[in-house]
C-alpha atoms as a PDB file:
ATOM      1  CA  MET A   1       0.101   0.047   0.371  1.00  0.00           C
ATOM      2  CA  SER A   2       2.982   2.569   0.628  1.00  0.00           C
ATOM      3  CA  GLY A   3       4.455   2.567  -2.625  1.00  0.00           C
ATOM      4  CA  GLU A   4       1.398   2.891  -4.205  1.00  0.00           C
ATOM      5  CA  VAL A   5       0.459   5.787  -1.804  1.00  0.00           C
ATOM      6  CA  ILE A   6       3.926   7.292  -3.261  1.00  0.00           C
ATOM      7  CA  GLU A   7       3.107   6.597  -7.078  1.00  0.00           C
ATOM      8  CA  ARG A   8       0.007   8.692  -6.101  1.00  0.00           C
ATOM      9  CA  VAL A   9       1.595  11.445  -4.849  1.00  0.00           C
ATOM     10  CA  LYS A  10       3.905  11.495  -7.881  1.00  0.00           C
ATOM     11  CA  LYS A  11       1.430  11.667 -10.153  1.00  0.00           C
ATOM     12  CA  GLU A  12       0.393  15.372 -11.520  1.00  0.00           C
ATOM     13  CA  GLU A  13      -3.560  14.980 -11.029  1.00  0.00           C
ATOM     14  CA  SER A  14      -5.959  12.621  -8.010  1.00  0.00           C
ATOM     15  CA  PRO A  15      -9.349  11.518 -10.123  1.00  0.00           C
ATOM     16  CA  TRP A  16     -10.814  11.566  -7.119  1.00  0.00           C
ATOM     17  CA  LEU A  17      -9.630  15.742  -6.721  1.00  0.00           C
ATOM     18  CA  ALA A  18      -8.834  16.624 -10.193  1.00  0.00           C
ATOM     19  CA  ALA A  19      -8.996  20.126  -9.271  1.00  0.00           C
ATOM     20  CA  LEU A  20      -6.372  19.853  -7.177  1.00  0.00           C
ATOM     21  CA  PRO A  21      -3.034  18.625  -8.882  1.00  0.00           C
ATOM     22  CA  GLY A  22      -0.746  17.186  -6.068  1.00  0.00           C
ATOM     23  CA  ARG A  23       1.733  19.447  -7.019  1.00  0.00           C
ATOM     24  CA  TRP A  24      -0.455  22.055  -5.724  1.00  0.00           C
ATOM     25  CA  LEU A  25      -1.394  20.547  -2.730  1.00  0.00           C
ATOM     26  CA  GLY A  26       1.967  20.213  -0.945  1.00  0.00           C
ATOM     27  CA  GLY A  27       3.830  17.511   1.154  1.00  0.00           C
ATOM     28  CA  LYS A  28       1.318  16.532   4.123  1.00  0.00           C
ATOM     29  CA  ALA A  29      -1.628  17.438   2.098  1.00  0.00           C
ATOM     30  CA  ALA A  30      -0.499  15.565  -1.003  1.00  0.00           C
ATOM     31  CA  PHE A  31       0.475  12.167   1.293  1.00  0.00           C
ATOM     32  CA  ALA A  32      -3.025  12.605   3.245  1.00  0.00           C
ATOM     33  CA  ARG A  33      -5.039  12.721  -0.168  1.00  0.00           C
ATOM     34  CA  ALA A  34      -3.122  10.002  -1.925  1.00  0.00           C
ATOM     35  CA  LEU A  35      -3.752   7.895   1.550  1.00  0.00           C
ATOM     36  CA  LEU A  36      -7.359   8.677   1.831  1.00  0.00           C
ATOM     37  CA  GLU A  37      -7.688   7.511  -2.069  1.00  0.00           C
ATOM     38  CA  THR A  38      -5.623   4.683  -1.963  1.00  0.00           C
ATOM     39  CA  THR A  39      -7.608   3.181   1.630  1.00  0.00           C
ATOM     40  CA  LEU A  40     -10.376   3.204   0.148  1.00  0.00           C
ATOM     41  CA  SER A  41      -9.580   1.586  -3.299  1.00  0.00           C
ATOM     42  CA  SER A  42      -6.860  -0.709  -2.725  1.00  0.00           C
ATOM     43  CA  ALA A  43      -8.053  -4.535  -2.298  1.00  0.00           C
ATOM     44  CA  PRO A  44      -5.865  -7.185   0.046  1.00  0.00           C
ATOM     45  CA  ARG A  45      -3.122  -9.087  -1.510  1.00  0.00           C
ATOM     46  CA  GLU A  46      -1.626 -12.579  -0.665  1.00  0.00           C
ATOM     47  CA  VAL A  47       1.479 -12.890   0.326  1.00  0.00           C
ATOM     48  CA  VAL A  48       3.968 -15.434   1.577  1.00  0.00           C
ATOM     49  CA  VAL A  49       6.250 -14.603   4.568  1.00  0.00           C
ATOM     50  CA  THR A  50       9.449 -16.842   5.700  1.00  0.00           C
ATOM     51  CA  ILE A  51      11.080 -15.790   8.661  1.00  0.00           C
ATOM     52  CA  ASP A  52      14.910 -17.810   9.230  1.00  0.00           C
ATOM     53  CA  GLN A  53      14.235 -20.253   6.747  1.00  0.00           C
ATOM     54  CA  SER A  54      11.406 -21.031   8.643  1.00  0.00           C
ATOM     55  CA  GLY A  55       8.120 -22.184   6.381  1.00  0.00           C
ATOM     56  CA  GLY A  56       6.255 -19.808   4.780  1.00  0.00           C
ATOM     57  CA  ARG A  57       2.765 -18.425   6.312  1.00  0.00           C
ATOM     58  CA  VAL A  58       0.265 -16.946   3.720  1.00  0.00           C
ATOM     59  CA  ALA A  59      -1.459 -13.830   4.827  1.00  0.00           C
ATOM     60  CA  ARG A  60      -3.749 -11.578   3.085  1.00  0.00           C
ATOM     61  CA  VAL A  61      -2.997  -8.051   3.855  1.00  0.00           C
ATOM     62  CA  VAL A  62      -3.084  -4.634   2.450  1.00  0.00           C
ATOM     63  CA  ASN A  63      -0.177  -2.838   3.875  1.00  0.00           C
ATOM     64  CA  PHE A  64       3.342  -4.875   4.794  1.00  0.00           C
ATOM     65  CA  CYS A  65       5.912  -3.321   6.111  1.00  0.00           C
ATOM     66  CA  VAL A  66       9.545  -5.312   7.325  1.00  0.00           C
ATOM     67  CA  ALA A  67      11.567  -2.193   9.192  1.00  0.00           C
ATOM     68  CA  ASN A  68      14.298  -1.919  11.407  1.00  0.00           C
ATOM     69  CA  ALA A  69      14.251   1.705  11.971  1.00  0.00           C
ATOM     70  CA  LYS A  70      12.176   3.717  14.846  1.00  0.00           C
ATOM     71  CA  PHE A  71      10.160   4.834  12.759  1.00  0.00           C
ATOM     72  CA  PHE A  72       8.547   4.489   9.409  1.00  0.00           C
ATOM     73  CA  GLY A  73       6.468   6.566   6.416  1.00  0.00           C
ATOM     74  CA  GLY A  74       7.565   9.741   8.425  1.00  0.00           C
ATOM     75  CA  GLY A  75       7.282   9.231  11.820  1.00  0.00           C
END
């Protein structure tokens, strides 16, 4: 889901708010708009998660993140 949000932010215009192109909105507002659009239009996807050579586990997810950091996605 996060990759799709980034793609939407980079687009010049949004089909949901066609009168407000992404660059016009600015940083946080553009991300908020893209997050809302993505959340409302995303469907769960099936992924296989394998940790330390264990048998893979199948999961249906909308957003999946593996991070080694204190923050993710701007805080």
